């Protein structure tokens, strides 16, 4: 399987468990690797047969901006579910981070891998 990726998609949202985090928007960063067979798109040069990464990014930006989360774990699962179900992706790896969330560290976050449910 081929991989279509989006790297460092930055979105502002309300995320965190502390009172101050519930009042200010913070930036989260997403790296997505999505399984996709690109051969038909390559043969036809037709976007209809490609995983449209712009559509994926626009959908995720809208979702993340419009919702509030306590934990990065919840946000990661929601993002994975959207990509798997709405874009017919059979597998993904998602790295989700909160830049500047921990003093002394560039960022903190998590990496998950998920597959479509049969």
PDB file of N, CA and C in Angstrom:
ATOM      1  N   UNK A   1       0.849  -1.182   0.000  1.00  0.00           N
ATOM      2  CA  UNK A   1       0.000   0.000   0.000  1.00  0.00           C
ATOM      3  C   UNK A   1       0.892   1.242   0.000  1.00  0.00           C
ATOM      4  N   UNK A   2       0.462   2.238  -0.712  1.00  0.00           N
ATOM      5  CA  UNK A   2       1.181   3.506  -0.777  1.00  0.00           C
ATOM      6  C   UNK A   2       0.741   4.392   0.388  1.00  0.00           C
ATOM      7  N   UNK A   3       1.479   5.442   0.632  1.00  0.00           N
ATOM      8  CA  UNK A   3       1.189   6.367   1.727  1.00  0.00           C
ATOM      9  C   UNK A   3       1.017   7.773   1.167  1.00  0.00           C
ATOM     10  N   UNK A   4      -0.108   8.382   1.478  1.00  0.00           N
ATOM     11  CA  UNK A   4      -0.335   9.804   1.221  1.00  0.00           C
ATOM     12  C   UNK A   4      -0.209  10.476   2.586  1.00  0.00           C
ATOM     13  N   UNK A   5       0.551  11.573   2.645  1.00  0.00           N
ATOM     14  CA  UNK A   5       0.750  12.166   3.964  1.00  0.00           C
ATOM     15  C   UNK A   5       0.481  13.664   3.981  1.00  0.00           C
ATOM     16  N   UNK A   6       0.191  14.131   5.180  1.00  0.00           N
ATOM     17  CA  UNK A   6       0.064  15.553   5.495  1.00  0.00           C
ATOM     18  C   UNK A   6       0.973  15.769   6.697  1.00  0.00           C
ATOM     19  N   UNK A   7       1.855  16.733   6.623  1.00  0.00           N
ATOM     20  CA  UNK A   7       2.803  16.963   7.704  1.00  0.00           C
ATOM     21  C   UNK A   7       2.598  18.348   8.311  1.00  0.00           C
ATOM     22  N   UNK A   8       2.535  18.385   9.633  1.00  0.00           N
ATOM     23  CA  UNK A   8       2.469  19.626  10.419  1.00  0.00           C
ATOM     24  C   UNK A   8       1.268  20.489  10.055  1.00  0.00           C
ATOM     25  N   UNK A   9       0.094  19.866  10.008  1.00  0.00           N
ATOM     26  CA  UNK A   9      -1.149  20.614   9.831  1.00  0.00           C
ATOM     27  C   UNK A   9      -1.479  21.254  11.172  1.00  0.00           C
ATOM     28  N   UNK A  10      -1.426  22.568  11.228  1.00  0.00           N
ATOM     29  CA  UNK A  10      -1.615  23.288  12.487  1.00  0.00           C
ATOM     30  C   UNK A  10      -3.024  23.874  12.552  1.00  0.00           C
ATOM     31  N   UNK A  11      -3.679  23.603  13.687  1.00  0.00           N
ATOM     32  CA  UNK A  11      -5.060  24.034  13.879  1.00  0.00           C
ATOM     33  C   UNK A  11      -5.201  24.560  15.304  1.00  0.00           C
ATOM     34  N   UNK A  12      -5.919  25.671  15.467  1.00  0.00           N
ATOM     35  CA  UNK A  12      -6.174  26.234  16.789  1.00  0.00           C
ATOM     36  C   UNK A  12      -7.508  25.722  17.311  1.00  0.00           C
ATOM     37  N   UNK A  13      -7.503  25.322  18.588  1.00  0.00           N
ATOM     38  CA  UNK A  13      -8.705  24.784  19.208  1.00  0.00           C
ATOM     39  C   UNK A  13      -8.630  24.959  20.717  1.00  0.00           C
ATOM     40  N   UNK A  14      -9.727  24.665  21.379  1.00  0.00           N
ATOM     41  CA  UNK A  14      -9.754  24.611  22.839  1.00  0.00           C
ATOM     42  C   UNK A  14      -9.432  23.174  23.224  1.00  0.00           C
ATOM     43  N   UNK A  15      -8.317  22.986  23.932  1.00  0.00           N
ATOM     44  CA  UNK A  15      -7.921  21.644  24.350  1.00  0.00           C
ATOM     45  C   UNK A  15      -7.148  21.720  25.652  1.00  0.00           C
ATOM     46  N   UNK A  16      -7.490  20.857  26.578  1.00  0.00           N
ATOM     47  CA  UNK A  16      -6.769  20.803  27.836  1.00  0.00           C
ATOM     48  C   UNK A  16      -7.698  20.623  29.018  1.00  0.00           C
ATOM     49  N   UNK A  17      -7.116  20.261  30.142  1.00  0.00           N
ATOM     50  CA  UNK A  17      -7.894  19.975  31.347  1.00  0.00           C
ATOM     51  C   UNK A  17      -7.872  21.115  32.368  1.00  0.00           C
ATOM     52  N   UNK A  18      -6.938  22.041  32.223  1.00  0.00           N
ATOM     53  CA  UNK A  18      -6.834  23.128  33.194  1.00  0.00           C
ATOM     54  C   UNK A  18      -7.787  24.265  32.829  1.00  0.00           C
ATOM     55  N   UNK A  19      -8.225  25.012  33.851  1.00  0.00           N
ATOM     56  CA  UNK A  19      -9.191  26.089  33.632  1.00  0.00           C
ATOM     57  C   UNK A  19      -8.714  27.074  32.570  1.00  0.00           C
ATOM     58  N   UNK A  20      -7.432  27.466  32.646  1.00  0.00           N
ATOM     59  CA  UNK A  20      -6.931  28.449  31.674  1.00  0.00           C
ATOM     60  C   UNK A  20      -6.959  27.891  30.247  1.00  0.00           C
ATOM     61  N   UNK A  21      -6.795  26.567  30.111  1.00  0.00           N
ATOM     62  CA  UNK A  21      -6.823  25.955  28.780  1.00  0.00           C
ATOM     63  C   UNK A  21      -8.226  25.950  28.184  1.00  0.00           C
ATOM     64  N   UNK A  22      -9.234  26.068  29.013  1.00  0.00           N
ATOM     65  CA  UNK A  22     -10.621  26.079  28.549  1.00  0.00           C
ATOM     66  C   UNK A  22     -11.016  27.467  28.054  1.00  0.00           C
ATOM     67  N   UNK A  23     -10.131  28.459  28.251  1.00  0.00           N
ATOM     68  CA  UNK A  23     -10.446  29.840  27.896  1.00  0.00           C
ATOM     69  C   UNK A  23      -9.653  30.375  26.708  1.00  0.00           C
ATOM     70  N   UNK A  24      -8.572  29.685  26.323  1.00  0.00           N
ATOM     71  CA  UNK A  24      -7.740  30.164  25.212  1.00  0.00           C
ATOM     72  C   UNK A  24      -7.576  29.064  24.174  1.00  0.00           C
ATOM     73  N   UNK A  25      -7.452  29.492  22.946  1.00  0.00           N
ATOM     74  CA  UNK A  25      -7.212  28.535  21.880  1.00  0.00           C
ATOM     75  C   UNK A  25      -5.724  28.201  21.848  1.00  0.00           C
ATOM     76  N   UNK A  26      -5.428  26.916  21.671  1.00  0.00           N
ATOM     77  CA  UNK A  26      -4.052  26.456  21.558  1.00  0.00           C
ATOM     78  C   UNK A  26      -3.888  25.780  20.204  1.00  0.00           C
ATOM     79  N   UNK A  27      -2.661  25.776  19.735  1.00  0.00           N
ATOM     80  CA  UNK A  27      -2.366  25.129  18.460  1.00  0.00           C
ATOM     81  C   UNK A  27      -2.051  23.663  18.684  1.00  0.00           C
ATOM     82  N   UNK A  28      -2.666  22.819  17.862  1.00  0.00           N
ATOM     83  CA  UNK A  28      -2.278  21.416  17.799  1.00  0.00           C
ATOM     84  C   UNK A  28      -1.686  21.185  16.408  1.00  0.00           C
ATOM     85  N   UNK A  29      -0.795  20.223  16.327  1.00  0.00           N
ATOM     86  CA  UNK A  29      -0.139  19.893  15.063  1.00  0.00           C
ATOM     87  C   UNK A  29      -0.409  18.431  14.738  1.00  0.00           C
ATOM     88  N   UNK A  30      -0.779  18.164  13.478  1.00  0.00           N
ATOM     89  CA  UNK A  30      -1.073  16.801  13.044  1.00  0.00           C
ATOM     90  C   UNK A  30      -0.140  16.395  11.923  1.00  0.00           C
ATOM     91  N   UNK A  31       0.400  15.195  12.042  1.00  0.00           N
ATOM     92  CA  UNK A  31       1.081  14.515  10.939  1.00  0.00           C
ATOM     93  C   UNK A  31       0.250  13.278  10.645  1.00  0.00           C
ATOM     94  N   UNK A  32      -0.182  13.138   9.412  1.00  0.00           N
ATOM     95  CA  UNK A  32      -1.001  11.995   9.006  1.00  0.00           C
ATOM     96  C   UNK A  32      -0.298  11.209   7.918  1.00  0.00           C
ATOM     97  N   UNK A  33      -0.274   9.907   8.064  1.00  0.00           N
ATOM     98  CA  UNK A  33       0.136   9.002   6.998  1.00  0.00           C
ATOM     99  C   UNK A  33      -1.065   8.114   6.721  1.00  0.00           C
ATOM    100  N   UNK A  34      -1.554   8.141   5.486  1.00  0.00           N
ATOM    101  CA  UNK A  34      -2.783   7.439   5.130  1.00  0.00           C
ATOM    102  C   UNK A  34      -2.515   6.455   4.001  1.00  0.00           C
ATOM    103  N   UNK A  35      -2.914   5.208   4.214  1.00  0.00           N
ATOM    104  CA  UNK A  35      -2.739   4.184   3.186  1.00  0.00           C
ATOM    105  C   UNK A  35      -3.665   4.477   2.015  1.00  0.00           C
ATOM    106  N   UNK A  36      -3.113   4.337   0.818  1.00  0.00           N
ATOM    107  CA  UNK A  36      -3.892   4.566  -0.390  1.00  0.00           C
ATOM    108  C   UNK A  36      -3.170   3.919  -1.562  1.00  0.00           C
ATOM    109  N   UNK A  37      -3.918   3.265  -2.403  1.00  0.00           N
ATOM    110  CA  UNK A  37      -3.334   2.699  -3.621  1.00  0.00           C
ATOM    111  C   UNK A  37      -3.385   3.783  -4.697  1.00  0.00           C
ATOM    112  N   UNK A  38      -2.237   4.336  -5.058  1.00  0.00           N
ATOM    113  CA  UNK A  38      -2.205   5.480  -5.975  1.00  0.00           C
ATOM    114  C   UNK A  38      -2.119   5.082  -7.449  1.00  0.00           C
ATOM    115  N   UNK A  39      -2.056   3.791  -7.745  1.00  0.00           N
ATOM    116  CA  UNK A  39      -1.798   3.360  -9.121  1.00  0.00           C
ATOM    117  C   UNK A  39      -2.828   3.853 -10.130  1.00  0.00           C
ATOM    118  N   UNK A  40      -4.111   3.768  -9.806  1.00  0.00           N
ATOM    119  CA  UNK A  40      -5.127   4.193 -10.783  1.00  0.00           C
ATOM    120  C   UNK A  40      -5.056   5.707 -11.012  1.00  0.00           C
ATOM    121  N   UNK A  41      -4.837   6.465  -9.954  1.00  0.00           N
ATOM    122  CA  UNK A  41      -4.676   7.914 -10.110  1.00  0.00           C
ATOM    123  C   UNK A  41      -3.463   8.225 -10.975  1.00  0.00           C
ATOM    124  N   UNK A  42      -2.377   7.487 -10.776  1.00  0.00           N
ATOM    125  CA  UNK A  42      -1.164   7.698 -11.572  1.00  0.00           C
ATOM    126  C   UNK A  42      -1.392   7.345 -13.039  1.00  0.00           C
ATOM    127  N   UNK A  43      -2.108   6.252 -13.284  1.00  0.00           N
ATOM    128  CA  UNK A  43      -2.368   5.821 -14.663  1.00  0.00           C
ATOM    129  C   UNK A  43      -3.268   6.792 -15.417  1.00  0.00           C
ATOM    130  N   UNK A  44      -4.279   7.322 -14.713  1.00  0.00           N
ATOM    131  CA  UNK A  44      -5.290   8.163 -15.378  1.00  0.00           C
ATOM    132  C   UNK A  44      -5.011   9.654 -15.258  1.00  0.00           C
ATOM    133  N   UNK A  45      -4.157  10.037 -14.304  1.00  0.00           N
ATOM    134  CA  UNK A  45      -3.891  11.447 -14.010  1.00  0.00           C
ATOM    135  C   UNK A  45      -5.192  12.167 -13.644  1.00  0.00           C
ATOM    136  N   UNK A  46      -6.058  11.460 -12.899  1.00  0.00           N
ATOM    137  CA  UNK A  46      -7.393  11.953 -12.563  1.00  0.00           C
ATOM    138  C   UNK A  46      -7.558  11.986 -11.049  1.00  0.00           C
ATOM    139  N   UNK A  47      -7.898  13.159 -10.512  1.00  0.00           N
ATOM    140  CA  UNK A  47      -8.061  13.338  -9.066  1.00  0.00           C
ATOM    141  C   UNK A  47      -9.170  12.453  -8.505  1.00  0.00           C
ATOM    142  N   UNK A  48     -10.101  12.051  -9.332  1.00  0.00           N
ATOM    143  CA  UNK A  48     -11.192  11.182  -8.881  1.00  0.00           C
ATOM    144  C   UNK A  48     -10.670   9.891  -8.258  1.00  0.00           C
ATOM    145  N   UNK A  49      -9.517   9.436  -8.695  1.00  0.00           N
ATOM    146  CA  UNK A  49      -8.947   8.181  -8.215  1.00  0.00           C
ATOM    147  C   UNK A  49      -7.860   8.375  -7.161  1.00  0.00           C
ATOM    148  N   UNK A  50      -7.703   9.586  -6.702  1.00  0.00           N
ATOM    149  CA  UNK A  50      -6.668   9.889  -5.706  1.00  0.00           C
ATOM    150  C   UNK A  50      -7.301  10.184  -4.353  1.00  0.00           C
ATOM    151  N   UNK A  51      -6.540   9.990  -3.306  1.00  0.00           N
ATOM    152  CA  UNK A  51      -6.955  10.447  -1.983  1.00  0.00           C
ATOM    153  C   UNK A  51      -6.705  11.952  -1.948  1.00  0.00           C
ATOM    154  N   UNK A  52      -7.764  12.718  -1.862  1.00  0.00           N
ATOM    155  CA  UNK A  52      -7.683  14.172  -1.956  1.00  0.00           C
ATOM    156  C   UNK A  52      -7.236  14.747  -0.603  1.00  0.00           C
ATOM    157  N   UNK A  53      -5.934  14.974  -0.466  1.00  0.00           N
ATOM    158  CA  UNK A  53      -5.398  15.448   0.809  1.00  0.00           C
ATOM    159  C   UNK A  53      -5.896  16.832   1.177  1.00  0.00           C
ATOM    160  N   UNK A  54      -6.247  17.648   0.186  1.00  0.00           N
ATOM    161  CA  UNK A  54      -6.806  18.966   0.494  1.00  0.00           C
ATOM    162  C   UNK A  54      -8.176  18.819   1.152  1.00  0.00           C
ATOM    163  N   UNK A  55      -8.985  17.908   0.643  1.00  0.00           N
ATOM    164  CA  UNK A  55     -10.303  17.665   1.238  1.00  0.00           C
ATOM    165  C   UNK A  55     -10.166  17.115   2.656  1.00  0.00           C
ATOM    166  N   UNK A  56      -9.204  16.224   2.864  1.00  0.00           N
ATOM    167  CA  UNK A  56      -8.954  15.678   4.198  1.00  0.00           C
ATOM    168  C   UNK A  56      -8.574  16.820   5.146  1.00  0.00           C
ATOM    169  N   UNK A  57      -7.636  17.645   4.744  1.00  0.00           N
ATOM    170  CA  UNK A  57      -7.170  18.746   5.593  1.00  0.00           C
ATOM    171  C   UNK A  57      -8.304  19.718   5.915  1.00  0.00           C
ATOM    172  N   UNK A  58      -9.082  20.093   4.918  1.00  0.00           N
ATOM    173  CA  UNK A  58     -10.188  21.033   5.149  1.00  0.00           C
ATOM    174  C   UNK A  58     -11.203  20.465   6.130  1.00  0.00           C
ATOM    175  N   UNK A  59     -11.509  19.192   5.999  1.00  0.00           N
ATOM    176  CA  UNK A  59     -12.476  18.547   6.904  1.00  0.00           C
ATOM    177  C   UNK A  59     -11.950  18.514   8.331  1.00  0.00           C
ATOM    178  N   UNK A  60     -10.678  18.166   8.492  1.00  0.00           N
ATOM    179  CA  UNK A  60     -10.099  18.096   9.825  1.00  0.00           C
ATOM    180  C   UNK A  60      -9.975  19.474  10.465  1.00  0.00           C
ATOM    181  N   UNK A  61      -9.574  20.465   9.700  1.00  0.00           N
ATOM    182  CA  UNK A  61      -9.477  21.831  10.229  1.00  0.00           C
ATOM    183  C   UNK A  61     -10.834  22.290  10.738  1.00  0.00           C
ATOM    184  N   UNK A  62     -11.865  22.118   9.933  1.00  0.00           N
ATOM    185  CA  UNK A  62     -13.213  22.540  10.338  1.00  0.00           C
ATOM    186  C   UNK A  62     -13.656  21.818  11.608  1.00  0.00           C
ATOM    187  N   UNK A  63     -13.446  20.506  11.658  1.00  0.00           N
ATOM    188  CA  UNK A  63     -13.853  19.728  12.830  1.00  0.00           C
ATOM    189  C   UNK A  63     -13.115  20.172  14.090  1.00  0.00           C
ATOM    190  N   UNK A  64     -11.802  20.307  13.996  1.00  0.00           N
ATOM    191  CA  UNK A  64     -11.000  20.645  15.175  1.00  0.00           C
ATOM    192  C   UNK A  64     -11.297  22.061  15.651  1.00  0.00           C
ATOM    193  N   UNK A  65     -11.439  23.003  14.724  1.00  0.00           N
ATOM    194  CA  UNK A  65     -11.729  24.387  15.113  1.00  0.00           C
ATOM    195  C   UNK A  65     -13.093  24.526  15.775  1.00  0.00           C
ATOM    196  N   UNK A  66     -14.061  23.733  15.368  1.00  0.00           N
ATOM    197  CA  UNK A  66     -15.435  23.881  15.852  1.00  0.00           C
ATOM    198  C   UNK A  66     -15.730  23.103  17.129  1.00  0.00           C
ATOM    199  N   UNK A  67     -14.787  22.286  17.608  1.00  0.00           N
ATOM    200  CA  UNK A  67     -15.026  21.458  18.779  1.00  0.00           C
ATOM    201  C   UNK A  67     -14.011  21.742  19.873  1.00  0.00           C
ATOM    202  N   UNK A  68     -14.338  21.332  21.087  1.00  0.00           N
ATOM    203  CA  UNK A  68     -13.472  21.492  22.252  1.00  0.00           C
ATOM    204  C   UNK A  68     -13.147  20.115  22.798  1.00  0.00           C
ATOM    205  N   UNK A  69     -11.939  19.955  23.318  1.00  0.00           N
ATOM    206  CA  UNK A  69     -11.487  18.659  23.807  1.00  0.00           C
ATOM    207  C   UNK A  69     -10.757  18.830  25.132  1.00  0.00           C
ATOM    208  N   UNK A  70     -10.868  17.830  25.976  1.00  0.00           N
ATOM    209  CA  UNK A  70     -10.090  17.807  27.210  1.00  0.00           C
ATOM    210  C   UNK A  70      -8.737  17.147  26.970  1.00  0.00           C
ATOM    211  N   UNK A  71      -8.729  16.029  26.248  1.00  0.00           N
ATOM    212  CA  UNK A  71      -7.524  15.232  26.082  1.00  0.00           C
ATOM    213  C   UNK A  71      -7.123  15.092  24.613  1.00  0.00           C
ATOM    214  N   UNK A  72      -5.809  15.048  24.365  1.00  0.00           N
ATOM    215  CA  UNK A  72      -5.323  14.798  23.006  1.00  0.00           C
ATOM    216  C   UNK A  72      -5.732  13.395  22.555  1.00  0.00           C
ATOM    217  N   UNK A  73      -5.878  12.475  23.500  1.00  0.00           N
ATOM    218  CA  UNK A  73      -6.309  11.119  23.157  1.00  0.00           C
ATOM    219  C   UNK A  73      -7.685  11.123  22.485  1.00  0.00           C
ATOM    220  N   UNK A  74      -8.600  11.909  23.019  1.00  0.00           N
ATOM    221  CA  UNK A  74      -9.947  11.992  22.435  1.00  0.00           C
ATOM    222  C   UNK A  74      -9.887  12.614  21.042  1.00  0.00           C
ATOM    223  N   UNK A  75      -9.144  13.692  20.921  1.00  0.00           N
ATOM    224  CA  UNK A  75      -9.010  14.348  19.624  1.00  0.00           C
ATOM    225  C   UNK A  75      -8.406  13.405  18.604  1.00  0.00           C
ATOM    226  N   UNK A  76      -7.387  12.662  18.971  1.00  0.00           N
ATOM    227  CA  UNK A  76      -6.733  11.729  18.047  1.00  0.00           C
ATOM    228  C   UNK A  76      -7.713  10.668  17.552  1.00  0.00           C
ATOM    229  N   UNK A  77      -8.496  10.105  18.452  1.00  0.00           N
ATOM    230  CA  UNK A  77      -9.470   9.088  18.047  1.00  0.00           C
ATOM    231  C   UNK A  77     -10.533   9.657  17.120  1.00  0.00           C
ATOM    232  N   UNK A  78     -10.982  10.861  17.396  1.00  0.00           N
ATOM    233  CA  UNK A  78     -11.992  11.506  16.540  1.00  0.00           C
ATOM    234  C   UNK A  78     -11.430  11.764  15.138  1.00  0.00           C
ATOM    235  N   UNK A  79     -10.210  12.271  15.070  1.00  0.00           N
ATOM    236  CA  UNK A  79      -9.566  12.532  13.783  1.00  0.00           C
ATOM    237  C   UNK A  79      -9.402  11.237  12.999  1.00  0.00           C
ATOM    238  N   UNK A  80      -8.902  10.198  13.661  1.00  0.00           N
ATOM    239  CA  UNK A  80      -8.716   8.912  12.989  1.00  0.00           C
ATOM    240  C   UNK A  80     -10.036   8.385  12.442  1.00  0.00           C
ATOM    241  N   UNK A  81     -11.090   8.470  13.228  1.00  0.00           N
ATOM    242  CA  UNK A  81     -12.400   7.987  12.793  1.00  0.00           C
ATOM    243  C   UNK A  81     -12.899   8.738  11.559  1.00  0.00           C
ATOM    244  N   UNK A  82     -12.725  10.044  11.530  1.00  0.00           N
ATOM    245  CA  UNK A  82     -13.154  10.837  10.370  1.00  0.00           C
ATOM    246  C   UNK A  82     -12.417  10.390   9.113  1.00  0.00           C
ATOM    247  N   UNK A  83     -11.110  10.267   9.203  1.00  0.00           N
ATOM    248  CA  UNK A  83     -10.313   9.905   8.026  1.00  0.00           C
ATOM    249  C   UNK A  83     -10.663   8.500   7.543  1.00  0.00           C
ATOM    250  N   UNK A  84     -10.765   7.563   8.469  1.00  0.00           N
ATOM    251  CA  UNK A  84     -11.054   6.181   8.086  1.00  0.00           C
ATOM    252  C   UNK A  84     -12.437   6.024   7.469  1.00  0.00           C
ATOM    253  N   UNK A  85     -13.432   6.674   8.037  1.00  0.00           N
ATOM    254  CA  UNK A  85     -14.803   6.458   7.571  1.00  0.00           C
ATOM    255  C   UNK A  85     -15.211   7.367   6.420  1.00  0.00           C
ATOM    256  N   UNK A  86     -14.833   8.629   6.471  1.00  0.00           N
ATOM    257  CA  UNK A  86     -15.299   9.573   5.454  1.00  0.00           C
ATOM    258  C   UNK A  86     -14.451   9.565   4.183  1.00  0.00           C
ATOM    259  N   UNK A  87     -13.210   9.093   4.283  1.00  0.00           N
ATOM    260  CA  UNK A  87     -12.319   9.132   3.121  1.00  0.00           C
ATOM    261  C   UNK A  87     -11.891   7.745   2.668  1.00  0.00           C
ATOM    262  N   UNK A  88     -12.539   6.733   3.220  1.00  0.00           N
ATOM    263  CA  UNK A  88     -12.315   5.353   2.790  1.00  0.00           C
ATOM    264  C   UNK A  88     -10.834   4.961   2.841  1.00  0.00           C
ATOM    265  N   UNK A  89     -10.174   5.362   3.915  1.00  0.00           N
ATOM    266  CA  UNK A  89      -8.766   5.043   4.123  1.00  0.00           C
ATOM    267  C   UNK A  89      -8.700   3.754   4.947  1.00  0.00           C
ATOM    268  N   UNK A  90      -7.971   2.736   4.493  1.00  0.00           N
ATOM    269  CA  UNK A  90      -7.940   1.470   5.228  1.00  0.00           C
ATOM    270  C   UNK A  90      -7.025   1.456   6.454  1.00  0.00           C
ATOM    271  N   UNK A  91      -6.055   2.380   6.523  1.00  0.00           N
ATOM    272  CA  UNK A  91      -5.097   2.426   7.623  1.00  0.00           C
ATOM    273  C   UNK A  91      -4.508   3.815   7.704  1.00  0.00           C
ATOM    274  N   UNK A  92      -4.216   4.248   8.933  1.00  0.00           N
ATOM    275  CA  UNK A  92      -3.526   5.525   9.091  1.00  0.00           C
ATOM    276  C   UNK A  92      -2.633   5.497  10.310  1.00  0.00           C
ATOM    277  N   UNK A  93      -1.638   6.354  10.263  1.00  0.00           N
ATOM    278  CA  UNK A  93      -0.798   6.666  11.422  1.00  0.00           C
ATOM    279  C   UNK A  93      -0.959   8.158  11.643  1.00  0.00           C
ATOM    280  N   UNK A  94      -1.255   8.531  12.877  1.00  0.00           N
ATOM    281  CA  UNK A  94      -1.471   9.924  13.224  1.00  0.00           C
ATOM    282  C   UNK A  94      -0.533  10.307  14.357  1.00  0.00           C
ATOM    283  N   UNK A  95       0.198  11.380  14.157  1.00  0.00           N
ATOM    284  CA  UNK A  95       0.994  11.993  15.225  1.00  0.00           C
ATOM    285  C   UNK A  95       0.309  13.299  15.552  1.00  0.00           C
ATOM    286  N   UNK A  96      -0.119  13.447  16.802  1.00  0.00           N
ATOM    287  CA  UNK A  96      -0.824  14.644  17.248  1.00  0.00           C
ATOM    288  C   UNK A  96      -0.031  15.255  18.382  1.00  0.00           C
ATOM    289  N   UNK A  97       0.310  16.533  18.266  1.00  0.00           N
ATOM    290  CA  UNK A  97       1.108  17.167  19.313  1.00  0.00           C
ATOM    291  C   UNK A  97       0.557  18.537  19.676  1.00  0.00           C
ATOM    292  N   UNK A  98       0.934  18.956  20.899  1.00  0.00           N
ATOM    293  CA  UNK A  98       0.634  20.294  21.404  1.00  0.00           C
ATOM    294  C   UNK A  98       1.972  21.014  21.584  1.00  0.00           C
ATOM    295  N   UNK A  99       2.370  21.797  20.600  1.00  0.00           N
ATOM    296  CA  UNK A  99       3.632  22.532  20.722  1.00  0.00           C
ATOM    297  C   UNK A  99       3.609  23.485  21.923  1.00  0.00           C
ATOM    298  N   UNK A 100       4.687  23.479  22.674  1.00  0.00           N
ATOM    299  CA  UNK A 100       4.811  24.400  23.797  1.00  0.00           C
ATOM    300  C   UNK A 100       3.993  24.038  25.024  1.00  0.00           C
ATOM    301  N   UNK A 101       3.391  22.862  25.068  1.00  0.00           N
ATOM    302  CA  UNK A 101       2.528  22.494  26.194  1.00  0.00           C
ATOM    303  C   UNK A 101       3.306  22.131  27.453  1.00  0.00           C
ATOM    304  N   UNK A 102       4.558  21.765  27.282  1.00  0.00           N
ATOM    305  CA  UNK A 102       5.378  21.342  28.417  1.00  0.00           C
ATOM    306  C   UNK A 102       6.654  22.174  28.435  1.00  0.00           C
ATOM    307  N   UNK A 103       6.865  22.894  29.530  1.00  0.00           N
ATOM    308  CA  UNK A 103       8.045  23.739  29.636  1.00  0.00           C
ATOM    309  C   UNK A 103       9.301  22.893  29.461  1.00  0.00           C
ATOM    310  N   UNK A 104      10.190  23.343  28.622  1.00  0.00           N
ATOM    311  CA  UNK A 104      11.432  22.641  28.370  1.00  0.00           C
ATOM    312  C   UNK A 104      11.371  21.667  27.214  1.00  0.00           C
ATOM    313  N   UNK A 105      10.183  21.438  26.664  1.00  0.00           N
ATOM    314  CA  UNK A 105      10.017  20.519  25.537  1.00  0.00           C
ATOM    315  C   UNK A 105       9.433  21.273  24.349  1.00  0.00           C
ATOM    316  N   UNK A 106       9.871  20.917  23.166  1.00  0.00           N
ATOM    317  CA  UNK A 106       9.323  21.550  21.969  1.00  0.00           C
ATOM    318  C   UNK A 106       7.833  21.253  21.832  1.00  0.00           C
ATOM    319  N   UNK A 107       7.469  19.991  22.030  1.00  0.00           N
ATOM    320  CA  UNK A 107       6.060  19.612  22.006  1.00  0.00           C
ATOM    321  C   UNK A 107       5.867  18.291  22.741  1.00  0.00           C
ATOM    322  N   UNK A 108       4.630  17.965  22.987  1.00  0.00           N
ATOM    323  CA  UNK A 108       4.236  16.677  23.561  1.00  0.00           C
ATOM    324  C   UNK A 108       3.044  16.171  22.772  1.00  0.00           C
ATOM    325  N   UNK A 109       2.829  14.875  22.813  1.00  0.00           N
ATOM    326  CA  UNK A 109       1.686  14.349  22.080  1.00  0.00           C
ATOM    327  C   UNK A 109       1.676  12.847  22.056  1.00  0.00           C
ATOM    328  N   UNK A 110       1.099  12.304  21.004  1.00  0.00           N
ATOM    329  CA  UNK A 110       0.985  10.867  20.871  1.00  0.00           C
ATOM    330  C   UNK A 110       0.974  10.457  19.412  1.00  0.00           C
ATOM    331  N   UNK A 111       1.217   9.179  19.199  1.00  0.00           N
ATOM    332  CA  UNK A 111       1.163   8.591  17.866  1.00  0.00           C
ATOM    333  C   UNK A 111       0.251   7.383  17.957  1.00  0.00           C
ATOM    334  N   UNK A 112      -0.736   7.316  17.049  1.00  0.00           N
ATOM    335  CA  UNK A 112      -1.623   6.162  17.008  1.00  0.00           C
ATOM    336  C   UNK A 112      -1.658   5.607  15.592  1.00  0.00           C
ATOM    337  N   UNK A 113      -1.945   4.330  15.486  1.00  0.00           N
ATOM    338  CA  UNK A 113      -2.209   3.674  14.205  1.00  0.00           C
ATOM    339  C   UNK A 113      -3.571   3.038  14.317  1.00  0.00           C
ATOM    340  N   UNK A 114      -4.372   3.209  13.272  1.00  0.00           N
ATOM    341  CA  UNK A 114      -5.716   2.635  13.252  1.00  0.00           C
ATOM    342  C   UNK A 114      -6.012   2.078  11.869  1.00  0.00           C
ATOM    343  N   UNK A 115      -6.842   1.048  11.849  1.00  0.00           N
ATOM    344  CA  UNK A 115      -7.299   0.474  10.600  1.00  0.00           C
ATOM    345  C   UNK A 115      -8.801   0.525  10.543  1.00  0.00           C
ATOM    346  N   UNK A 116      -9.327   0.506   9.340  1.00  0.00           N
ATOM    347  CA  UNK A 116     -10.774   0.517   9.152  1.00  0.00           C
ATOM    348  C   UNK A 116     -11.378  -0.750   9.734  1.00  0.00           C
ATOM    349  N   UNK A 117     -12.550  -0.599  10.321  1.00  0.00           N
ATOM    350  CA  UNK A 117     -13.231  -1.764  10.873  1.00  0.00           C
ATOM    351  C   UNK A 117     -13.957  -2.501   9.761  1.00  0.00           C
ATOM    352  N   UNK A 118     -13.845  -3.832   9.767  1.00  0.00           N
ATOM    353  CA  UNK A 118     -14.490  -4.608   8.683  1.00  0.00           C
ATOM    354  C   UNK A 118     -15.991  -4.548   8.747  1.00  0.00           C
TER     355      UNK A 118
END
